[in-house]
Protein backbone atom coordinates (compact mmCIF):
# COMPACT_ATOMS: atom_id res chain seq x y z
CA MET A 1 0.00 0.00 0.00
CA SER A 2 1.53 3.29 -1.08
CA THR A 3 1.34 6.22 1.30
CA HIS A 4 -0.33 9.43 0.13
CA PRO A 5 2.10 12.37 -0.12
CA ARG A 6 -0.06 14.44 2.26
CA ALA A 7 -0.55 11.69 4.84
CA GLY A 8 -0.13 13.12 8.34
CA THR A 9 -0.80 16.72 7.27
CA ARG A 10 -3.80 18.79 8.24
CA ALA A 11 -6.94 18.44 6.13
CA GLN A 12 -7.59 21.23 3.65
CA PRO A 13 -10.95 22.66 2.48
CA GLU A 14 -10.93 20.45 -0.61
CA ASP A 15 -10.72 17.36 1.63
CA LEU A 16 -13.92 18.15 3.50
CA VAL A 17 -17.31 16.60 2.84
CA ASP A 18 -20.19 18.78 1.60
CA LEU A 19 -22.54 18.41 4.55
CA SER A 20 -25.58 19.78 2.72
CA ALA A 21 -25.18 17.31 -0.13
CA LEU A 22 -24.56 14.46 2.31
CA LEU A 23 -27.64 15.17 4.43
CA ASP A 24 -29.89 15.86 1.42
CA ALA A 25 -28.83 12.54 -0.11
CA TYR A 26 -29.80 10.72 3.09
CA HIS A 27 -33.45 11.61 2.50
CA ASP A 28 -33.56 12.06 -1.28
CA ARG A 29 -31.82 8.94 -2.55
CA HIS A 30 -33.49 5.55 -2.47
CA PRO A 31 -31.56 2.29 -2.80
CA ASP A 32 -32.12 -0.14 -5.65
CA PRO A 33 -32.87 -3.46 -3.89
CA ASP A 34 -31.67 -5.34 -6.98
CA ASP A 35 -28.21 -3.80 -6.66
CA PRO A 36 -26.25 -5.89 -4.10
CA ALA A 37 -24.09 -2.86 -3.27
CA GLN A 38 -27.18 -0.92 -2.16
CA ARG A 39 -28.68 -3.58 0.08
CA VAL A 40 -28.38 -3.82 3.86
CA ALA A 41 -25.29 -5.83 4.77
CA PHE A 42 -24.01 -6.34 8.31
CA GLY A 43 -20.25 -6.74 8.66
CA THR A 44 -18.43 -7.34 11.94
CA SER A 45 -19.60 -3.91 13.14
CA GLY A 46 -23.05 -3.45 11.65
CA HIS A 47 -24.28 -1.91 8.40
CA ARG A 48 -22.08 0.85 6.98
CA GLY A 49 -22.20 3.04 3.91
CA SER A 50 -22.69 6.59 2.68
CA SER A 51 -25.78 8.44 1.54
CA LEU A 52 -23.73 9.73 -1.41
CA ARG A 53 -23.25 6.14 -2.61
CA THR A 54 -26.89 5.24 -1.80
CA THR A 55 -25.67 2.70 0.71
CA PHE A 56 -26.73 4.47 3.93
CA ASN A 57 -30.03 6.29 3.51
CA ASP A 58 -33.29 6.80 5.32
CA ASP A 59 -34.75 3.70 3.64
CA HIS A 60 -31.90 1.52 4.91
CA ILE A 61 -32.29 2.67 8.50
CA ALA A 62 -36.09 2.51 8.50
CA ALA A 63 -36.02 -1.04 7.13
CA THR A 64 -33.24 -2.15 9.50
CA SER A 65 -34.97 -0.62 12.52
CA GLN A 66 -38.21 -2.40 11.65
CA ALA A 67 -36.30 -5.65 11.27
CA ILE A 68 -34.72 -5.14 14.70
CA CYS A 69 -38.18 -4.59 16.21
CA GLU A 70 -39.39 -7.85 14.72
CA TYR A 71 -36.23 -9.71 15.71
CA ARG A 72 -36.30 -8.57 19.34
CA ALA A 73 -40.01 -9.46 19.57
CA ALA A 74 -39.28 -12.95 18.22
CA GLN A 75 -36.52 -13.33 20.80
CA GLY A 76 -38.79 -12.22 23.65
CA THR A 77 -36.73 -9.09 24.28
CA ASP A 78 -39.35 -6.73 25.72
CA GLY A 79 -37.32 -4.36 27.88
CA PRO A 80 -36.10 -0.91 26.86
CA LEU A 81 -33.81 -0.29 23.90
CA PHE A 82 -30.83 1.96 24.62
CA ILE A 83 -29.79 4.09 21.65
CA GLY A 84 -26.61 6.12 21.17
CA ARG A 85 -24.92 7.92 18.33
CA ASP A 86 -21.52 9.35 17.46
CA THR A 87 -20.49 12.64 15.83
CA HIS A 88 -20.60 11.65 12.14
CA ALA A 89 -22.99 13.85 10.17
CA LEU A 90 -25.25 10.96 9.15
CA SER A 91 -25.61 9.71 12.73
CA GLU A 92 -28.12 12.42 13.71
CA PRO A 93 -30.70 11.79 10.93
CA ALA A 94 -30.29 8.01 11.25
CA TRP A 95 -30.84 8.31 15.02
CA VAL A 96 -34.10 10.16 14.31
CA THR A 97 -35.25 7.60 11.72
CA ALA A 98 -34.56 4.73 14.10
CA ILE A 99 -36.44 6.27 17.02
CA GLU A 100 -39.44 7.03 14.79
CA VAL A 101 -39.64 3.36 13.81
CA PHE A 102 -38.91 1.98 17.27
CA GLN A 103 -41.59 4.11 18.92
CA ALA A 104 -44.18 3.26 16.24
CA ASN A 105 -43.55 -0.39 17.06
CA GLY A 106 -44.16 0.18 20.76
CA VAL A 107 -40.52 -0.13 21.82
CA HIS A 108 -39.56 1.90 24.88
CA VAL A 109 -36.48 3.81 23.74
CA LEU A 110 -33.93 5.19 26.20
CA ALA A 111 -31.84 7.99 24.70
CA ASP A 112 -29.28 10.29 26.28
CA GLY A 113 -30.89 12.77 28.63
CA ASP A 114 -29.37 15.71 26.77
CA ASP A 115 -29.58 14.16 23.28
CA ALA A 116 -25.78 14.10 23.54
CA PHE A 117 -23.30 11.84 21.79
CA THR A 118 -22.87 8.39 23.29
CA PRO A 119 -19.82 6.12 22.96
CA THR A 120 -20.29 2.44 22.12
CA PRO A 121 -18.94 1.26 25.52
CA ALA A 122 -21.43 3.46 27.37
CA VAL A 123 -24.30 1.74 25.55
CA SER A 124 -22.90 -1.72 26.35
CA HIS A 125 -22.42 -0.66 29.98
CA ALA A 126 -26.02 0.59 30.13
CA ILE A 127 -27.45 -2.65 28.72
CA LEU A 128 -25.50 -4.79 31.18
CA THR A 129 -26.36 -2.51 34.12
CA HIS A 130 -30.07 -2.77 33.32
CA ASN A 131 -30.00 -6.53 32.76
CA ARG A 132 -27.96 -7.42 35.84
CA ALA A 133 -29.86 -10.04 37.90
CA ARG A 134 -32.87 -9.82 35.55
CA VAL A 135 -34.50 -12.75 33.80
CA SER A 136 -37.27 -10.74 32.12
CA GLY A 137 -37.71 -7.25 30.74
CA LEU A 138 -34.23 -7.47 29.23
CA ALA A 139 -32.81 -4.48 27.38
CA ASP A 140 -30.83 -4.31 24.15
CA GLY A 141 -29.36 -1.42 22.18
CA VAL A 142 -28.37 0.30 18.97
CA VAL A 143 -25.37 2.51 18.29
CA VAL A 144 -25.46 4.76 15.24
CA THR A 145 -21.82 4.91 14.19
CA PRO A 146 -19.42 3.92 11.42
CA SER A 147 -16.61 3.89 14.00
CA HIS A 148 -13.37 5.34 12.57
CA ASN A 149 -14.66 5.56 8.98
CA PRO A 150 -14.40 8.82 6.95
CA PRO A 151 -16.86 11.70 7.49
CA PRO A 152 -19.22 10.83 4.56
CA ASP A 153 -20.00 7.45 6.11
CA GLY A 154 -22.74 6.27 8.42
CA GLY A 155 -23.10 3.12 10.46
CA PHE A 156 -25.79 1.24 12.39
CA LYS A 157 -25.10 -1.65 14.76
CA TYR A 158 -27.25 -3.76 17.07
CA ASN A 159 -26.29 -5.06 20.52
CA PRO A 160 -28.61 -7.73 21.94
CA PRO A 161 -29.18 -8.24 25.68
CA HIS A 162 -25.68 -9.61 26.26
CA GLY A 163 -24.47 -6.08 25.51
CA GLY A 164 -21.93 -7.00 22.85
CA PRO A 165 -21.92 -7.08 19.05
CA ALA A 166 -24.73 -9.19 17.61
CA ASP A 167 -23.77 -12.60 16.25
CA THR A 168 -24.28 -13.56 12.61
CA ASP A 169 -27.47 -15.44 13.50
CA ALA A 170 -28.99 -12.12 14.54
CA THR A 171 -27.39 -9.86 11.94
CA GLY A 172 -28.16 -12.28 9.11
CA TRP A 173 -31.83 -12.41 10.07
CA ILE A 174 -32.04 -8.63 10.50
CA ALA A 175 -30.31 -7.94 7.17
CA ASP A 176 -32.50 -10.43 5.28
CA ARG A 177 -35.69 -8.96 6.72
CA ALA A 178 -34.50 -5.39 6.08
CA ASN A 179 -33.81 -6.23 2.45
CA GLU A 180 -37.27 -7.77 2.11
CA LEU A 181 -38.70 -4.48 3.35
CA LEU A 182 -36.55 -2.50 0.90
CA ALA A 183 -37.79 -4.69 -1.94
CA ALA A 184 -41.36 -4.03 -0.80
CA LYS A 185 -40.71 -0.26 -0.88
CA LEU A 186 -40.95 -0.18 2.94
CA ASP A 187 -44.43 -1.71 3.01
CA GLY A 188 -44.52 -3.22 6.48
CA VAL A 189 -42.43 -0.52 8.15
CA LYS A 190 -44.27 1.19 11.01
CA ARG A 191 -43.23 4.78 11.49
CA GLY A 192 -44.39 8.05 12.98
CA SER A 193 -42.91 11.28 14.29
CA ILE A 194 -40.75 11.17 17.41
CA ASP A 195 -42.81 11.44 20.59
CA ARG A 196 -40.36 13.28 22.80
CA THR A 197 -42.69 13.12 25.79
CA GLY A 198 -42.62 9.34 25.53
CA LEU A 199 -38.92 9.11 24.84
CA GLY A 200 -37.13 7.64 27.84
CA ARG A 201 -34.00 9.31 29.14
CA TYR A 202 -30.82 7.80 30.53
CA ASP A 203 -27.70 9.38 31.96
CA PHE A 204 -25.15 7.39 29.92
CA LEU A 205 -22.26 9.66 30.86
CA GLY A 206 -23.01 9.89 34.58
CA GLU A 207 -23.54 6.16 35.06
CA TYR A 208 -20.45 5.21 33.06
CA VAL A 209 -18.04 7.73 34.62
CA ALA A 210 -19.21 7.06 38.18
CA ASP A 211 -18.55 3.33 37.70
CA LEU A 212 -15.00 3.66 36.30
CA PRO A 213 -13.28 3.10 39.69
CA SER A 214 -14.75 -0.42 39.68
CA VAL A 215 -12.65 -1.33 36.64
CA LEU A 216 -9.52 0.82 37.08
CA ASP A 217 -7.22 1.87 39.93
CA LEU A 218 -7.72 5.58 39.43
CA ASP A 219 -6.53 6.37 42.97
CA ALA A 220 -3.07 5.27 41.89
CA VAL A 221 -3.25 7.46 38.79
CA ARG A 222 -4.31 10.47 40.85
CA GLU A 223 -1.70 9.95 43.56
CA ALA A 224 1.11 9.47 41.03
CA GLY A 225 0.18 12.71 39.30
CA VAL A 226 0.15 11.19 35.82
CA ARG A 227 -0.40 13.97 33.29
CA ILE A 228 -2.90 12.76 30.71
CA GLY A 229 -3.76 14.26 27.34
CA ALA A 230 -6.94 12.76 25.89
CA ASP A 231 -7.87 13.46 22.27
CA PRO A 232 -11.41 12.34 21.33
CA LEU A 233 -10.57 12.99 17.64
CA GLY A 234 -13.86 14.85 17.45
CA GLY A 235 -15.78 11.80 18.59
CA ALA A 236 -18.45 10.81 21.09
CA SER A 237 -16.08 10.65 24.07
CA VAL A 238 -15.45 14.41 24.13
CA ALA A 239 -17.76 15.19 27.07
CA TYR A 240 -16.78 11.96 28.82
CA TRP A 241 -13.12 12.92 29.06
CA GLY A 242 -14.02 16.30 30.52
CA ALA A 243 -16.26 14.61 33.10
CA ILE A 244 -13.57 12.04 33.94
CA ALA A 245 -11.11 14.83 34.65
CA GLU A 246 -13.55 16.82 36.77
CA ARG A 247 -15.44 14.12 38.64
CA LEU A 248 -12.54 11.74 39.28
CA GLY A 249 -9.92 14.38 40.02
CA LEU A 250 -7.35 13.40 37.40
CA ASP A 251 -4.69 15.64 35.88
CA LEU A 252 -6.29 15.27 32.47
CA THR A 253 -6.53 17.70 29.57
CA VAL A 254 -9.00 17.25 26.74
CA VAL A 255 -6.54 17.98 23.94
CA ASN A 256 -9.12 18.89 21.32
CA PRO A 257 -12.71 19.44 22.54
CA GLU A 258 -13.92 20.50 19.08
CA VAL A 259 -16.78 18.62 17.42
CA ASP A 260 -17.12 19.12 13.67
CA PRO A 261 -18.93 16.54 11.48
CA ARG A 262 -16.49 17.39 8.69
CA PHE A 263 -13.58 16.51 11.06
CA ALA A 264 -11.69 19.44 9.53
CA PHE A 265 -9.12 19.42 12.37
CA MET A 266 -7.88 15.92 11.49
CA THR A 267 -4.60 15.06 9.81
CA LEU A 268 -5.01 12.84 6.76
CA ASP A 269 -4.60 9.08 7.05
CA TRP A 270 -2.17 6.95 5.01
CA ASP A 271 -4.35 7.11 1.87
CA GLY A 272 -5.06 10.84 2.01
CA LYS A 273 -8.53 10.38 3.52
CA ILE A 274 -9.87 11.77 6.77
CA ARG A 275 -10.25 8.80 9.06
CA MET A 276 -10.49 8.84 12.86
CA ASP A 277 -8.20 5.85 13.27
CA CYS A 278 -6.47 6.23 16.63
CA SER A 279 -4.04 3.42 15.77
CA SER A 280 -2.74 5.26 12.68
CA PRO A 281 0.39 7.41 13.10
CA TYR A 282 -0.91 9.62 10.28
CA ALA A 283 -4.36 10.25 11.77
CA MET A 284 -2.75 10.75 15.20
CA ALA A 285 0.07 13.00 13.95
CA SER A 286 -1.07 16.09 15.89
CA LEU A 287 -1.29 14.25 19.19
CA VAL A 288 2.05 12.50 18.64
CA GLU A 289 3.65 15.88 17.98
CA SER A 290 2.39 17.22 21.34
CA ARG A 291 3.37 14.13 23.36
CA GLY A 292 6.05 16.02 25.30
CA GLU A 293 3.32 17.87 27.21
CA TYR A 294 1.92 14.70 28.82
CA THR A 295 3.05 11.57 30.61
CA ILE A 296 0.48 9.61 28.62
CA ALA A 297 -1.54 10.84 25.65
CA THR A 298 -4.44 8.89 24.23
CA GLY A 299 -6.85 8.97 21.31
CA ASN A 300 -10.20 7.37 20.55
CA ASP A 301 -12.12 6.87 17.34
CA ALA A 302 -15.53 8.45 16.77
CA ASP A 303 -17.52 5.97 18.86
CA SER A 304 -14.70 5.39 21.35
CA ASP A 305 -14.49 1.63 20.98
CA ARG A 306 -10.82 1.85 19.93
CA HIS A 307 -7.77 3.24 21.71
CA GLY A 308 -4.48 4.79 20.71
CA ILE A 309 -1.65 5.09 23.25
CA VAL A 310 1.08 7.73 22.93
CA THR A 311 4.13 7.86 25.19
CA ALA A 312 7.38 9.79 24.96
CA ASP A 313 8.45 7.15 22.43
CA GLY A 314 5.52 7.91 20.11
CA LEU A 315 2.35 6.05 19.13
CA MET A 316 2.35 2.43 20.27
CA ASN A 317 1.56 -0.36 17.85
CA PRO A 318 -1.82 -1.80 18.99
CA ASN A 319 -0.35 -5.31 19.28
CA HIS A 320 2.39 -4.00 21.55
CA PHE A 321 -0.04 -2.33 23.92
CA LEU A 322 -2.31 -5.39 24.04
CA ALA A 323 0.65 -7.52 25.17
CA VAL A 324 1.63 -4.96 27.83
CA ALA A 325 -1.97 -4.59 29.05
CA ILE A 326 -2.37 -8.34 29.40
CA GLY A 327 0.91 -8.75 31.26
CA TYR A 328 -0.01 -5.98 33.67
CA LEU A 329 -3.65 -6.85 34.30
CA TYR A 330 -3.17 -10.53 35.07
CA ALA A 331 -0.45 -9.63 37.58
CA ASN A 332 -2.51 -6.87 39.22
CA ARG A 333 -6.10 -8.11 39.37
CA PRO A 334 -6.28 -10.50 42.35
CA GLY A 335 -10.07 -10.39 42.14
CA TRP A 336 -10.07 -12.19 38.78
CA ALA A 337 -10.57 -15.95 38.71
CA PRO A 338 -7.22 -17.79 38.70
CA ASP A 339 -8.31 -19.66 35.58
CA ALA A 340 -9.59 -16.61 33.67
CA GLY A 341 -8.26 -16.94 30.13
CA ILE A 342 -6.78 -14.41 27.72
CA GLY A 343 -8.77 -13.70 24.56
CA LYS A 344 -6.99 -12.75 21.32
CA THR A 345 -7.90 -12.91 17.66
CA ALA A 346 -6.01 -15.19 15.30
CA VAL A 347 -4.33 -12.23 13.60
CA SER A 348 -3.02 -10.65 16.80
CA SER A 349 0.67 -10.81 17.71
CA SER A 350 2.21 -14.04 19.00
CA MET A 351 3.87 -11.88 21.66
CA ILE A 352 0.53 -12.33 23.43
CA ASP A 353 0.99 -16.11 23.27
CA ARG A 354 4.38 -15.78 24.96
CA VAL A 355 3.05 -13.45 27.63
CA ALA A 356 0.15 -15.84 28.29
CA ALA A 357 2.50 -18.81 28.61
CA ASP A 358 4.71 -16.87 31.01
CA LEU A 359 1.66 -15.99 33.13
CA GLY A 360 0.49 -19.61 33.07
CA ARG A 361 -2.85 -18.47 31.67
CA ARG A 362 -5.07 -20.20 29.11
CA LEU A 363 -5.01 -18.56 25.69
CA VAL A 364 -8.34 -18.35 23.84
CA GLU A 365 -7.60 -17.63 20.17
CA THR A 366 -10.69 -16.74 18.12
CA PRO A 367 -11.58 -15.59 14.62
CA VAL A 368 -11.60 -11.86 13.90
CA GLY A 369 -14.52 -10.09 15.60
CA PHE A 370 -15.07 -8.95 19.17
CA LYS A 371 -18.31 -10.95 19.40
CA TRP A 372 -16.26 -14.07 20.12
CA PHE A 373 -15.20 -12.69 23.51
CA VAL A 374 -18.72 -11.87 24.71
CA PRO A 375 -19.56 -15.17 26.50
CA GLY A 376 -16.22 -15.26 28.33
CA LEU A 377 -16.43 -11.65 29.47
CA LEU A 378 -20.00 -12.23 30.66
CA ASP A 379 -19.16 -15.19 32.89
CA GLY A 380 -15.62 -14.11 33.84
CA SER A 381 -13.91 -17.04 32.12
CA ILE A 382 -12.04 -14.51 29.97
CA GLY A 383 -10.44 -11.62 31.82
CA PHE A 384 -9.33 -9.68 28.76
CA GLY A 385 -10.35 -9.83 25.10
CA GLY A 386 -8.51 -7.83 22.47
CA GLU A 387 -8.16 -7.38 18.72
CA GLU A 388 -5.10 -6.29 16.75
CA SER A 389 -7.14 -3.35 15.45
CA ALA A 390 -6.90 -1.59 18.86
CA GLY A 391 -10.20 -2.81 20.29
CA ALA A 392 -10.40 -4.48 23.70
CA SER A 393 -12.20 -4.69 27.02
CA PHE A 394 -11.58 -6.37 30.35
CA LEU A 395 -13.30 -7.29 33.59
CA ARG A 396 -14.00 -5.19 36.63
CA ARG A 397 -11.47 -5.38 39.43
CA ASP A 398 -13.68 -7.88 41.28
CA GLY A 399 -13.91 -10.15 38.22
CA GLY A 400 -17.40 -9.08 37.15
CA VAL A 401 -18.33 -8.02 33.64
CA TRP A 402 -17.71 -4.38 32.67
CA THR A 403 -18.60 -4.18 28.98
CA THR A 404 -19.01 -6.84 26.32
CA ASP A 405 -18.15 -4.43 23.52
CA LYS A 406 -14.81 -2.77 22.88
CA ASP A 407 -14.01 0.06 25.27
CA GLY A 408 -11.36 2.51 24.12
CA ILE A 409 -11.84 4.72 27.16
CA ILE A 410 -10.81 2.15 29.79
CA LEU A 411 -7.90 0.96 27.64
CA ALA A 412 -6.71 4.56 27.35
CA LEU A 413 -6.98 5.03 31.12
CA LEU A 414 -5.25 1.70 31.72
CA ALA A 415 -2.10 3.14 30.12
CA SER A 416 -2.01 5.71 32.92
CA GLU A 417 -2.69 3.09 35.60
CA ILE A 418 0.20 0.99 34.29
CA THR A 419 2.48 4.02 34.43
CA ALA A 420 1.34 4.98 37.92
CA VAL A 421 1.64 1.52 39.46
CA THR A 422 4.82 0.29 37.75
CA GLY A 423 6.71 3.56 37.29
CA SER A 424 7.22 2.67 33.61
CA THR A 425 5.25 3.76 30.57
CA PRO A 426 3.62 1.07 28.41
CA SER A 427 6.27 1.52 25.70
CA GLU A 428 9.01 0.98 28.30
CA ARG A 429 7.16 -2.10 29.50
CA TYR A 430 7.03 -3.41 25.95
CA ARG A 431 10.80 -3.09 25.63
CA GLU A 432 11.07 -5.27 28.73
CA LEU A 433 8.88 -7.89 27.00
CA THR A 434 11.02 -7.89 23.85
CA GLY A 435 14.12 -8.28 26.02
CA ARG A 436 12.61 -11.46 27.46
CA PHE A 437 10.72 -12.95 24.54
CA GLY A 438 12.28 -11.47 21.39
CA GLU A 439 11.15 -8.64 19.15
CA PRO A 440 8.53 -9.55 16.56
CA ALA A 441 8.11 -7.83 13.20
CA TYR A 442 4.45 -7.60 12.18
CA ALA A 443 2.70 -6.26 9.08
CA ARG A 444 -0.56 -6.40 7.15
CA THR A 445 -0.77 -6.15 3.37
CA ASP A 446 -3.50 -6.47 0.75
CA VAL A 447 -3.21 -8.82 -2.24
CA ALA A 448 -5.40 -8.31 -5.31
CA THR A 449 -7.55 -11.31 -6.22
CA SER A 450 -10.87 -12.23 -7.81
CA ALA A 451 -14.26 -12.48 -6.16
CA GLU A 452 -14.25 -16.22 -6.92
CA ALA A 453 -10.87 -16.71 -5.24
CA LYS A 454 -12.06 -14.72 -2.21
CA ALA A 455 -15.02 -17.06 -1.87
CA ARG A 456 -12.78 -20.14 -2.05
CA LEU A 457 -10.34 -18.66 0.49
CA GLY A 458 -13.13 -18.27 3.00
CA LYS A 459 -13.98 -21.98 2.69
CA LEU A 460 -10.52 -23.61 2.64
CA SER A 461 -9.77 -26.67 4.73
CA ALA A 462 -6.39 -27.41 6.31
CA GLU A 463 -5.96 -30.29 3.86
CA ASP A 464 -5.95 -27.81 0.96
CA VAL A 465 -2.55 -26.53 2.11
CA THR A 466 0.14 -28.76 0.63
CA ALA A 467 3.18 -26.61 1.49
CA THR A 468 5.52 -28.06 4.12
CA GLU A 469 7.81 -25.06 4.68
CA LEU A 470 7.43 -21.31 5.09
CA ALA A 471 10.41 -18.95 4.93
CA GLY A 472 12.83 -21.78 5.63
CA ASP A 473 10.97 -23.26 8.60
CA PRO A 474 8.82 -26.41 8.75
CA ILE A 475 5.11 -25.62 8.95
CA THR A 476 3.83 -26.74 12.35
CA ASP A 477 0.16 -25.86 11.96
CA ARG A 478 -2.38 -25.17 9.23
CA LEU A 479 -5.53 -23.62 10.67
CA THR A 480 -8.90 -22.84 9.12
CA SER A 481 -10.70 -22.85 12.47
CA ALA A 482 -9.76 -21.02 15.66
CA PRO A 483 -7.95 -23.04 18.35
CA GLY A 484 -9.81 -21.24 21.13
CA ASN A 485 -13.37 -22.07 20.14
CA GLY A 486 -13.32 -24.13 16.93
CA ALA A 487 -15.11 -21.43 14.95
CA ALA A 488 -14.22 -20.99 11.28
CA LEU A 489 -11.52 -18.40 10.64
CA GLY A 490 -13.03 -17.51 7.28
CA GLY A 491 -9.55 -17.90 5.86
CA LEU A 492 -6.24 -19.59 6.55
CA LYS A 493 -3.48 -19.36 9.16
CA VAL A 494 -0.09 -21.05 8.68
CA VAL A 495 2.30 -21.30 11.64
CA THR A 496 6.00 -22.11 12.05
CA GLU A 497 8.35 -21.87 15.02
CA GLY A 498 9.69 -18.55 13.72
CA GLY A 499 6.53 -16.85 12.52
CA TRP A 500 3.11 -17.12 10.92
CA PHE A 501 0.75 -15.62 8.38
CA ALA A 502 -3.02 -15.44 8.12
CA ALA A 503 -4.99 -14.70 4.94
CA ARG A 504 -8.58 -13.46 5.03
CA PRO A 505 -10.80 -12.20 2.20
CA SER A 506 -11.82 -8.54 2.36
CA GLY A 507 -15.51 -7.93 2.84
CA THR A 508 -15.54 -4.83 0.65
CA GLU A 509 -12.82 -5.13 -2.01
CA ASP A 510 -11.43 -7.77 -4.38
CA VAL A 511 -8.36 -8.33 -2.23
CA TYR A 512 -7.37 -10.65 0.55
CA LYS A 513 -5.58 -9.40 3.63
CA VAL A 514 -2.31 -11.01 4.67
CA TYR A 515 -1.33 -10.62 8.32
CA ALA A 516 2.20 -11.83 9.03
CA GLU A 517 4.66 -11.87 11.90
CA SER A 518 8.25 -13.00 12.41
CA PHE A 519 10.37 -13.27 15.53
CA ARG A 520 13.48 -13.27 13.32
CA GLY A 521 13.38 -9.73 12.00
CA PRO A 522 12.05 -7.69 9.07
CA ASP A 523 13.89 -9.67 6.38
CA HIS A 524 12.35 -12.91 7.57
CA LEU A 525 8.96 -11.18 7.74
CA ALA A 526 9.35 -10.13 4.11
CA ARG A 527 10.03 -13.76 3.16
CA ILE A 528 6.92 -14.89 5.03
CA GLN A 529 4.82 -12.25 3.25
CA GLU A 530 6.18 -13.22 -0.16
CA GLU A 531 5.80 -16.95 0.31
CA ALA A 532 2.36 -16.55 1.87
CA GLN A 533 0.99 -15.52 -1.52
CA ALA A 534 2.43 -18.66 -3.10
CA VAL A 535 0.97 -20.86 -0.33
CA VAL A 536 -2.46 -19.26 -0.74
CA SER A 537 -2.34 -19.50 -4.55
CA ALA A 538 -1.46 -23.19 -4.38
CA ALA A 539 -4.23 -23.87 -1.88
CA LEU A 540 -6.74 -22.05 -4.09
CA GLY A 541 -5.45 -23.69 -7.25
CA THR A 542 -4.89 -20.33 -8.94
């Protein structure tokens, strides 16, 4: 992937979305149900698209909201529905559409008391708080967000009563029903105007912030005087960080409190687009530049389910911070069950494997998608679940569930707790890990392919891989299902003693993604990446 010449520089007027055109298109354009690109499609984080591409419009959200009403009724979910939204321009009109449909279907909707922005983890926290010790009247929720996607995009995701991302059984049913409604020109969608007198109110911010000491040792952070700079990147956590500073007495500065649906204050990402990716050194360039002002600086994406950690050494690689967080938490959470496992996705760094082995903890390796960690976080059998894309959550200090969706806020605060308790920043802690376990080289690349090859890749079996060596090492494992739970990887992972690669088809482009890692340096990593394409081609017969 080539880097745009303006990557890391401030956005210019020509980079900004035309808000009027974007919002007009939300109402004026109607999807063609015969065009697969314009149908409702739930990925790992809900339905996403743009009104300008006729992939995220009023029709989509009305149909999807009606489908959710029918799904929750079929499941016997009859409690309130918590709804939140982020700061993308399309989130506001989609929020309105959804509430109009939910109310017309007799669903009791709980929205923010001030109609304010609501991070994904605050919605998950609210669902779990309501459902605690209940067996009936269970709540679920919706978050209107495309996460870190560019400003023209919108997103819509459903969290059932377990509080985490909906599984494919739910999202598949909802998407199929929504597309039936689109094909019927919304015949069957119940809808009226918002009844604000009947709209329930919930203090998402107050409940979430007040409960933070149950999951983090903030006394240690306060007493150590850790100077924190928190950059919401114009997202839904902006008011939360201000409240955390004020109500919990932390030395915390909200680096950029500005909210602008054009995200004009952002620096451009690697491809020259505005993207609120807090794991990208290009999108985080401004915060990285100001790192000398803080002990720990952090960033979140627009719905705050991802975290970026900046120390004096710069922006940490997400894999590096996950390994540090795991090593710290399992040594400093005596309230967790002694057999609580460590959840990681199959494409996360093997440094986590080495940390887990050193801790004597069970490693639960799953396919990509945070939904796989939900059951373990609910019952405490997994203490920490994390993805290589900078999304994670972990248990309360007493071993109870905190959130079952990714929580970028607590991961950001954890960086300060680690610094306060250990006297070392997370990047310094990572250097200690590499001194003990070796220094891995990790990369992700995209390989062009055909739609047919993508489909075959997603259905490979281990027997399809005939290669016996990778980058000079004997292949020790060929995986098409996850070791931690037996679920299909939707691709292939090949492992040797010195490294590994995983290949997964893209859900949006005619490419497959190759994740690779070597504990023998960048040159060996390059060999793994090169030979991975040959292994995949042979397995696919291309």
